[in-house]
Amino acid sequence: MAVLGFGLANAKIFTQEEVIRALRTQGEIPEEDIAKYVCIACHETRYNSSAIHKDDAFGLFQLSDDFWCGKGFKGGECEADCYDFTDDHLEDDVQCLTKVTPHNWPTYVEKCAQDPFLFRFGEECTFDEEEFTKDNRRMWCPTCATRLD
């Protein structure tokens, strides 16, 4: 099982709805990719912006220092410091995602691509508790677990 490190400064656990809004407003993410990125963030970090995996993947979307950012300096394809992805400001994360394609992301391939309800990750899941039971919410709103590698 993977060990996720979590920073303390400016960390936040986002809701699915907050991640959707950030993807729609803070970058030029194609609408058809929104659910894919939300699913990735869900399974990678449970929407925790401070997650660091094995000291080489950073933030909500687990952007790697192998290619996307520099560890402790601005670098990589996104010209960003990886540690900047671990705060509660998602604009730099989303801007980096505009250079990434979700289709080859291991988490997308293993956990999201085969999900027949993937589209639900791109929808806001708000329910009137009087109208919907806990079982209905579970059926209509996606749930996630942290990655298991």
N, C-alpha and C. Protein backbone atom coordinates (compact mmCIF):
# COMPACT_ATOMS: atom_id res chain seq x y z
N MET A 1 0.84 -1.17 0.00
CA MET A 1 0.00 0.00 0.00
C MET A 1 0.88 1.24 0.00
N ALA A 2 0.49 2.24 -0.74
CA ALA A 2 1.26 3.47 -0.87
C ALA A 2 1.19 4.28 0.42
N VAL A 3 2.26 5.01 0.66
CA VAL A 3 2.27 5.92 1.79
C VAL A 3 2.17 7.32 1.24
N LEU A 4 1.19 8.05 1.70
CA LEU A 4 1.02 9.43 1.26
C LEU A 4 1.52 10.34 2.37
N GLY A 5 2.38 11.28 2.01
CA GLY A 5 2.81 12.30 2.96
C GLY A 5 1.91 13.50 2.81
N PHE A 6 1.68 14.21 3.89
CA PHE A 6 0.81 15.36 3.82
C PHE A 6 1.49 16.54 4.48
N GLY A 7 1.59 17.65 3.74
CA GLY A 7 2.16 18.87 4.27
C GLY A 7 1.17 19.54 5.20
N LEU A 8 1.65 20.50 5.97
CA LEU A 8 0.79 21.14 6.95
C LEU A 8 0.32 22.52 6.52
N ALA A 9 1.14 23.25 5.77
CA ALA A 9 0.80 24.62 5.44
C ALA A 9 -0.18 24.69 4.29
N ASN A 10 -1.26 25.42 4.47
CA ASN A 10 -2.24 25.69 3.43
C ASN A 10 -2.81 24.43 2.79
N ALA A 11 -2.91 23.36 3.54
CA ALA A 11 -3.46 22.11 3.01
C ALA A 11 -4.98 22.16 3.08
N LYS A 12 -5.61 21.47 2.15
CA LYS A 12 -7.06 21.43 2.15
C LYS A 12 -7.53 20.11 1.55
N ILE A 13 -8.61 19.60 2.10
CA ILE A 13 -9.31 18.48 1.49
C ILE A 13 -10.49 19.11 0.76
N PHE A 14 -10.47 19.03 -0.53
CA PHE A 14 -11.51 19.64 -1.36
C PHE A 14 -12.71 18.71 -1.47
N THR A 15 -13.84 19.28 -1.82
CA THR A 15 -15.00 18.47 -2.17
C THR A 15 -14.93 18.20 -3.67
N GLN A 16 -15.68 17.22 -4.11
CA GLN A 16 -15.75 16.93 -5.54
C GLN A 16 -16.22 18.17 -6.30
N GLU A 17 -17.17 18.87 -5.75
CA GLU A 17 -17.72 20.05 -6.40
C GLU A 17 -16.68 21.16 -6.55
N GLU A 18 -15.83 21.34 -5.52
CA GLU A 18 -14.78 22.36 -5.60
C GLU A 18 -13.75 22.00 -6.67
N VAL A 19 -13.42 20.74 -6.80
CA VAL A 19 -12.46 20.31 -7.82
C VAL A 19 -13.06 20.54 -9.21
N ILE A 20 -14.31 20.19 -9.39
CA ILE A 20 -14.98 20.41 -10.67
C ILE A 20 -14.95 21.90 -11.03
N ARG A 21 -15.31 22.76 -10.08
CA ARG A 21 -15.33 24.21 -10.35
C ARG A 21 -13.94 24.72 -10.70
N ALA A 22 -12.92 24.25 -9.99
CA ALA A 22 -11.55 24.69 -10.29
C ALA A 22 -11.14 24.27 -11.69
N LEU A 23 -11.45 23.04 -12.07
CA LEU A 23 -11.09 22.57 -13.41
C LEU A 23 -11.82 23.37 -14.49
N ARG A 24 -13.03 23.77 -14.22
CA ARG A 24 -13.81 24.53 -15.21
C ARG A 24 -13.40 26.00 -15.29
N THR A 25 -12.91 26.56 -14.19
CA THR A 25 -12.69 28.01 -14.18
C THR A 25 -11.23 28.44 -14.18
N GLN A 26 -10.31 27.56 -13.80
CA GLN A 26 -8.92 27.98 -13.62
C GLN A 26 -7.97 27.48 -14.70
N GLY A 27 -8.50 26.96 -15.76
CA GLY A 27 -7.65 26.48 -16.84
C GLY A 27 -8.50 26.17 -18.05
N GLU A 28 -7.86 25.73 -19.08
CA GLU A 28 -8.57 25.39 -20.30
C GLU A 28 -8.66 23.87 -20.43
N ILE A 29 -9.28 23.26 -19.44
CA ILE A 29 -9.46 21.81 -19.44
C ILE A 29 -10.69 21.50 -20.29
N PRO A 30 -10.58 20.64 -21.29
CA PRO A 30 -11.75 20.28 -22.09
C PRO A 30 -12.83 19.65 -21.22
N GLU A 31 -14.07 20.00 -21.48
CA GLU A 31 -15.19 19.50 -20.67
C GLU A 31 -15.19 17.97 -20.61
N GLU A 32 -14.82 17.32 -21.70
CA GLU A 32 -14.84 15.85 -21.71
C GLU A 32 -13.75 15.24 -20.82
N ASP A 33 -12.79 16.05 -20.36
CA ASP A 33 -11.74 15.55 -19.47
C ASP A 33 -11.99 15.85 -17.99
N ILE A 34 -12.98 16.67 -17.69
CA ILE A 34 -13.25 17.05 -16.29
C ILE A 34 -13.46 15.81 -15.42
N ALA A 35 -14.37 14.93 -15.80
CA ALA A 35 -14.66 13.73 -15.00
C ALA A 35 -13.42 12.86 -14.85
N LYS A 36 -12.58 12.80 -15.88
CA LYS A 36 -11.37 11.98 -15.82
C LYS A 36 -10.42 12.51 -14.75
N TYR A 37 -10.20 13.84 -14.74
CA TYR A 37 -9.30 14.42 -13.75
C TYR A 37 -9.86 14.33 -12.34
N VAL A 38 -11.17 14.50 -12.19
CA VAL A 38 -11.80 14.38 -10.87
C VAL A 38 -11.65 12.94 -10.37
N CYS A 39 -11.86 11.98 -11.23
CA CYS A 39 -11.68 10.57 -10.87
C CYS A 39 -10.24 10.30 -10.45
N ILE A 40 -9.28 10.83 -11.19
CA ILE A 40 -7.87 10.66 -10.85
C ILE A 40 -7.59 11.25 -9.47
N ALA A 41 -8.02 12.48 -9.23
CA ALA A 41 -7.78 13.13 -7.93
C ALA A 41 -8.46 12.36 -6.80
N CYS A 42 -9.63 11.86 -7.07
CA CYS A 42 -10.37 11.08 -6.08
C CYS A 42 -9.57 9.85 -5.67
N HIS A 43 -9.13 9.07 -6.62
CA HIS A 43 -8.43 7.83 -6.33
C HIS A 43 -6.99 8.05 -5.87
N GLU A 44 -6.34 9.10 -6.34
CA GLU A 44 -4.95 9.37 -5.95
C GLU A 44 -4.86 9.91 -4.53
N THR A 45 -5.72 10.88 -4.17
CA THR A 45 -5.51 11.61 -2.92
C THR A 45 -6.77 11.85 -2.10
N ARG A 46 -7.91 11.37 -2.58
CA ARG A 46 -9.18 11.71 -1.94
C ARG A 46 -9.34 13.22 -1.81
N TYR A 47 -8.89 13.92 -2.83
CA TYR A 47 -9.01 15.37 -2.95
C TYR A 47 -8.18 16.14 -1.93
N ASN A 48 -7.07 15.57 -1.45
CA ASN A 48 -6.20 16.23 -0.49
C ASN A 48 -5.08 16.94 -1.25
N SER A 49 -5.07 18.26 -1.17
CA SER A 49 -4.09 19.04 -1.93
C SER A 49 -2.67 18.89 -1.40
N SER A 50 -2.48 18.43 -0.18
CA SER A 50 -1.13 18.36 0.38
C SER A 50 -0.46 16.99 0.19
N ALA A 51 -1.08 16.10 -0.53
CA ALA A 51 -0.54 14.75 -0.67
C ALA A 51 0.78 14.74 -1.44
N ILE A 52 1.73 13.97 -0.89
CA ILE A 52 3.00 13.70 -1.57
C ILE A 52 3.18 12.19 -1.51
N HIS A 53 3.34 11.58 -2.67
CA HIS A 53 3.46 10.12 -2.76
C HIS A 53 4.90 9.74 -3.02
N LYS A 54 5.48 8.98 -2.10
CA LYS A 54 6.85 8.46 -2.26
C LYS A 54 7.84 9.55 -2.66
N ASP A 55 7.60 10.78 -2.24
CA ASP A 55 8.49 11.91 -2.49
C ASP A 55 8.71 12.20 -3.97
N ASP A 56 7.78 11.74 -4.84
CA ASP A 56 7.97 12.03 -6.26
C ASP A 56 6.69 12.41 -7.01
N ALA A 57 5.56 12.45 -6.34
CA ALA A 57 4.30 12.88 -6.96
C ALA A 57 3.60 13.80 -5.97
N PHE A 58 3.09 14.92 -6.46
CA PHE A 58 2.73 16.02 -5.58
C PHE A 58 1.32 16.55 -5.83
N GLY A 59 0.64 16.85 -4.73
CA GLY A 59 -0.62 17.57 -4.77
C GLY A 59 -1.82 16.72 -5.12
N LEU A 60 -2.92 17.42 -5.33
CA LEU A 60 -4.22 16.81 -5.57
C LEU A 60 -4.19 15.80 -6.72
N PHE A 61 -3.47 16.13 -7.80
CA PHE A 61 -3.44 15.28 -8.99
C PHE A 61 -2.18 14.42 -9.08
N GLN A 62 -1.30 14.52 -8.07
CA GLN A 62 -0.08 13.72 -8.02
C GLN A 62 0.78 13.91 -9.26
N LEU A 63 1.13 15.16 -9.53
CA LEU A 63 2.01 15.50 -10.64
C LEU A 63 3.44 15.12 -10.27
N SER A 64 4.11 14.42 -11.16
CA SER A 64 5.40 13.81 -10.88
C SER A 64 6.57 14.73 -11.20
N ASP A 65 7.62 14.63 -10.37
CA ASP A 65 8.83 15.39 -10.64
C ASP A 65 9.67 14.73 -11.74
N ASP A 66 9.26 13.57 -12.22
CA ASP A 66 9.96 12.93 -13.34
C ASP A 66 9.83 13.75 -14.62
N PHE A 67 8.71 14.45 -14.77
CA PHE A 67 8.46 15.12 -16.04
C PHE A 67 7.79 16.49 -15.89
N TRP A 68 6.90 16.65 -14.91
CA TRP A 68 6.04 17.83 -14.89
C TRP A 68 6.55 19.01 -14.08
N CYS A 69 7.38 18.77 -13.06
CA CYS A 69 7.80 19.87 -12.20
C CYS A 69 9.18 19.57 -11.61
N GLY A 70 9.79 20.60 -11.01
CA GLY A 70 11.07 20.43 -10.34
C GLY A 70 10.87 20.36 -8.84
N LYS A 71 11.63 19.51 -8.19
CA LYS A 71 11.50 19.36 -6.74
C LYS A 71 12.37 20.42 -6.05
N GLY A 72 11.71 21.48 -5.57
CA GLY A 72 12.42 22.57 -4.90
C GLY A 72 12.84 23.69 -5.83
N PHE A 73 12.50 23.59 -7.10
CA PHE A 73 12.81 24.64 -8.08
C PHE A 73 11.79 24.57 -9.21
N LYS A 74 11.67 25.65 -9.95
CA LYS A 74 10.75 25.66 -11.09
C LYS A 74 11.39 24.89 -12.23
N GLY A 75 10.67 23.87 -12.72
CA GLY A 75 11.22 23.05 -13.79
C GLY A 75 10.16 22.16 -14.40
N GLY A 76 10.60 21.23 -15.23
CA GLY A 76 9.69 20.31 -15.89
C GLY A 76 8.84 20.99 -16.95
N GLU A 77 7.97 20.21 -17.55
CA GLU A 77 7.10 20.72 -18.61
C GLU A 77 6.20 21.85 -18.14
N CYS A 78 5.87 21.87 -16.85
CA CYS A 78 4.97 22.90 -16.33
C CYS A 78 5.72 24.11 -15.77
N GLU A 79 7.06 24.07 -15.81
CA GLU A 79 7.86 25.16 -15.26
C GLU A 79 7.35 25.54 -13.88
N ALA A 80 7.22 24.54 -13.01
CA ALA A 80 6.67 24.75 -11.67
C ALA A 80 7.51 24.00 -10.65
N ASP A 81 7.46 24.49 -9.40
CA ASP A 81 8.03 23.78 -8.27
C ASP A 81 6.98 22.78 -7.80
N CYS A 82 7.33 21.52 -7.71
CA CYS A 82 6.38 20.48 -7.31
C CYS A 82 5.69 20.79 -5.99
N TYR A 83 6.42 21.40 -5.06
CA TYR A 83 5.84 21.69 -3.75
C TYR A 83 4.73 22.74 -3.84
N ASP A 84 4.71 23.53 -4.91
CA ASP A 84 3.62 24.50 -5.10
C ASP A 84 2.29 23.80 -5.35
N PHE A 85 2.35 22.54 -5.77
CA PHE A 85 1.12 21.78 -6.02
C PHE A 85 0.50 21.24 -4.73
N THR A 86 1.19 21.43 -3.60
CA THR A 86 0.69 20.86 -2.34
C THR A 86 -0.03 21.89 -1.46
N ASP A 87 -0.35 23.04 -2.00
CA ASP A 87 -1.09 24.03 -1.22
C ASP A 87 -2.57 23.99 -1.60
N ASP A 88 -3.34 24.91 -1.06
CA ASP A 88 -4.78 24.90 -1.33
C ASP A 88 -5.18 25.79 -2.51
N HIS A 89 -4.20 26.25 -3.26
CA HIS A 89 -4.47 27.03 -4.47
C HIS A 89 -4.32 26.11 -5.68
N LEU A 90 -5.40 25.86 -6.38
CA LEU A 90 -5.38 24.88 -7.46
C LEU A 90 -5.06 25.46 -8.83
N GLU A 91 -4.93 26.77 -8.93
CA GLU A 91 -4.71 27.37 -10.25
C GLU A 91 -3.45 26.82 -10.92
N ASP A 92 -2.33 26.73 -10.20
CA ASP A 92 -1.10 26.22 -10.82
C ASP A 92 -1.23 24.74 -11.17
N ASP A 93 -1.93 23.97 -10.34
CA ASP A 93 -2.16 22.55 -10.65
C ASP A 93 -2.95 22.42 -11.95
N VAL A 94 -4.02 23.19 -12.05
CA VAL A 94 -4.90 23.11 -13.22
C VAL A 94 -4.17 23.59 -14.47
N GLN A 95 -3.37 24.65 -14.34
CA GLN A 95 -2.59 25.13 -15.48
C GLN A 95 -1.63 24.04 -15.97
N CYS A 96 -1.04 23.30 -15.05
CA CYS A 96 -0.15 22.20 -15.43
C CYS A 96 -0.94 21.10 -16.14
N LEU A 97 -2.15 20.83 -15.66
CA LEU A 97 -2.96 19.78 -16.29
C LEU A 97 -3.27 20.08 -17.75
N THR A 98 -3.23 21.34 -18.16
CA THR A 98 -3.50 21.67 -19.56
C THR A 98 -2.41 21.08 -20.47
N LYS A 99 -1.28 20.69 -19.89
CA LYS A 99 -0.19 20.09 -20.67
C LYS A 99 -0.18 18.56 -20.57
N VAL A 100 -1.06 18.02 -19.75
CA VAL A 100 -1.10 16.59 -19.46
C VAL A 100 -2.32 15.98 -20.14
N THR A 101 -2.21 14.76 -20.57
CA THR A 101 -3.39 14.04 -21.06
C THR A 101 -3.74 12.95 -20.06
N PRO A 102 -5.00 12.86 -19.65
CA PRO A 102 -5.35 11.88 -18.62
C PRO A 102 -5.36 10.44 -19.09
N HIS A 103 -5.41 10.21 -20.40
CA HIS A 103 -5.66 8.87 -20.94
C HIS A 103 -4.58 7.84 -20.62
N ASN A 104 -3.33 8.28 -20.44
CA ASN A 104 -2.25 7.34 -20.15
C ASN A 104 -1.86 7.33 -18.68
N TRP A 105 -2.54 8.09 -17.86
CA TRP A 105 -2.28 8.15 -16.42
C TRP A 105 -2.60 6.79 -15.83
N PRO A 106 -1.67 6.15 -15.11
CA PRO A 106 -1.94 4.81 -14.57
C PRO A 106 -3.24 4.72 -13.77
N THR A 107 -3.52 5.71 -12.94
CA THR A 107 -4.75 5.66 -12.15
C THR A 107 -5.98 5.74 -13.04
N TYR A 108 -5.90 6.54 -14.10
CA TYR A 108 -7.03 6.62 -15.03
C TYR A 108 -7.25 5.25 -15.68
N VAL A 109 -6.17 4.65 -16.16
CA VAL A 109 -6.27 3.36 -16.85
C VAL A 109 -6.78 2.28 -15.89
N GLU A 110 -6.25 2.23 -14.67
CA GLU A 110 -6.59 1.16 -13.73
C GLU A 110 -7.92 1.35 -13.01
N LYS A 111 -8.29 2.57 -12.70
CA LYS A 111 -9.47 2.79 -11.85
C LYS A 111 -10.61 3.54 -12.53
N CYS A 112 -10.31 4.37 -13.50
CA CYS A 112 -11.35 5.25 -14.05
C CYS A 112 -11.86 4.83 -15.42
N ALA A 113 -10.98 4.42 -16.30
CA ALA A 113 -11.36 4.15 -17.69
C ALA A 113 -12.43 3.07 -17.80
N GLN A 114 -12.39 2.10 -16.91
CA GLN A 114 -13.34 0.99 -16.98
C GLN A 114 -14.63 1.24 -16.20
N ASP A 115 -14.72 2.40 -15.55
CA ASP A 115 -15.88 2.71 -14.72
C ASP A 115 -17.04 3.15 -15.61
N PRO A 116 -18.12 2.38 -15.67
CA PRO A 116 -19.25 2.77 -16.53
C PRO A 116 -19.95 4.03 -16.04
N PHE A 117 -19.65 4.43 -14.83
CA PHE A 117 -20.27 5.64 -14.28
C PHE A 117 -19.25 6.77 -14.14
N LEU A 118 -18.19 6.75 -14.94
CA LEU A 118 -17.16 7.77 -14.89
C LEU A 118 -17.76 9.17 -14.99
N PHE A 119 -18.77 9.35 -15.81
CA PHE A 119 -19.37 10.67 -16.01
C PHE A 119 -19.82 11.30 -14.70
N ARG A 120 -20.14 10.48 -13.70
CA ARG A 120 -20.62 11.01 -12.42
C ARG A 120 -19.54 11.80 -11.69
N PHE A 121 -18.27 11.55 -12.02
CA PHE A 121 -17.20 12.33 -11.40
C PHE A 121 -17.22 13.77 -11.90
N GLY A 122 -17.87 14.04 -13.00
CA GLY A 122 -17.96 15.39 -13.53
C GLY A 122 -19.23 16.11 -13.15
N GLU A 123 -20.03 15.49 -12.31
CA GLU A 123 -21.29 16.09 -11.89
C GLU A 123 -21.22 16.47 -10.42
N GLU A 124 -21.88 17.56 -10.08
CA GLU A 124 -21.95 17.95 -8.68
C GLU A 124 -22.97 17.06 -7.98
N CYS A 125 -22.60 16.50 -6.86
CA CYS A 125 -23.46 15.57 -6.12
C CYS A 125 -24.00 16.23 -4.87
N THR A 126 -25.05 16.96 -5.03
CA THR A 126 -25.70 17.56 -3.87
C THR A 126 -27.12 17.04 -3.82
N PHE A 127 -27.50 16.59 -2.65
CA PHE A 127 -28.82 15.98 -2.48
C PHE A 127 -29.52 16.59 -1.28
N ASP A 128 -30.81 16.68 -1.38
CA ASP A 128 -31.65 17.01 -0.24
C ASP A 128 -31.77 15.73 0.56
N GLU A 129 -31.24 15.73 1.76
CA GLU A 129 -31.20 14.50 2.56
C GLU A 129 -32.58 13.91 2.82
N GLU A 130 -33.61 14.74 2.78
CA GLU A 130 -34.96 14.21 2.99
C GLU A 130 -35.43 13.41 1.78
N GLU A 131 -34.97 13.77 0.59
CA GLU A 131 -35.39 13.09 -0.63
C GLU A 131 -34.61 11.82 -0.91
N PHE A 132 -33.34 11.79 -0.52
CA PHE A 132 -32.48 10.67 -0.88
C PHE A 132 -31.94 9.98 0.35
N THR A 133 -31.96 8.68 0.32
CA THR A 133 -31.38 7.90 1.42
C THR A 133 -29.87 7.83 1.23
N LYS A 134 -29.17 7.38 2.23
CA LYS A 134 -27.72 7.20 2.15
C LYS A 134 -27.37 6.24 1.01
N ASP A 135 -28.16 5.19 0.84
CA ASP A 135 -27.91 4.24 -0.24
C ASP A 135 -28.05 4.89 -1.61
N ASN A 136 -29.04 5.75 -1.78
CA ASN A 136 -29.20 6.45 -3.06
C ASN A 136 -28.02 7.36 -3.33
N ARG A 137 -27.55 8.09 -2.32
CA ARG A 137 -26.41 8.98 -2.52
C ARG A 137 -25.19 8.17 -2.95
N ARG A 138 -24.98 7.02 -2.31
CA ARG A 138 -23.85 6.18 -2.67
C ARG A 138 -23.98 5.70 -4.11
N MET A 139 -25.20 5.41 -4.53
CA MET A 139 -25.41 4.92 -5.89
C MET A 139 -25.14 6.03 -6.93
N TRP A 140 -25.51 7.27 -6.62
CA TRP A 140 -25.41 8.33 -7.61
C TRP A 140 -24.15 9.16 -7.52
N CYS A 141 -23.47 9.18 -6.39
CA CYS A 141 -22.24 9.95 -6.24
C CYS A 141 -21.06 9.01 -6.16
N PRO A 142 -20.02 9.27 -6.93
CA PRO A 142 -18.87 8.37 -6.91
C PRO A 142 -18.12 8.44 -5.58
N THR A 143 -17.52 7.34 -5.21
CA THR A 143 -16.67 7.29 -4.03
C THR A 143 -15.28 6.84 -4.47
N CYS A 144 -14.30 7.09 -3.64
CA CYS A 144 -12.95 6.76 -4.05
C CYS A 144 -12.14 6.25 -2.88
N ALA A 145 -11.04 5.62 -3.23
CA ALA A 145 -10.06 5.16 -2.25
C ALA A 145 -8.69 5.61 -2.74
N THR A 146 -7.76 5.79 -1.81
CA THR A 146 -6.41 6.19 -2.22
C THR A 146 -5.76 5.04 -2.98
N ARG A 147 -4.76 5.38 -3.77
CA ARG A 147 -4.16 4.37 -4.62
C ARG A 147 -3.46 3.28 -3.83
N LEU A 148 -3.34 2.13 -4.43
CA LEU A 148 -2.86 0.94 -3.72
C LEU A 148 -1.56 0.39 -4.25
N ASP A 149 -0.73 1.20 -4.89
CA ASP A 149 0.52 0.61 -5.42
C ASP A 149 1.64 0.59 -4.44
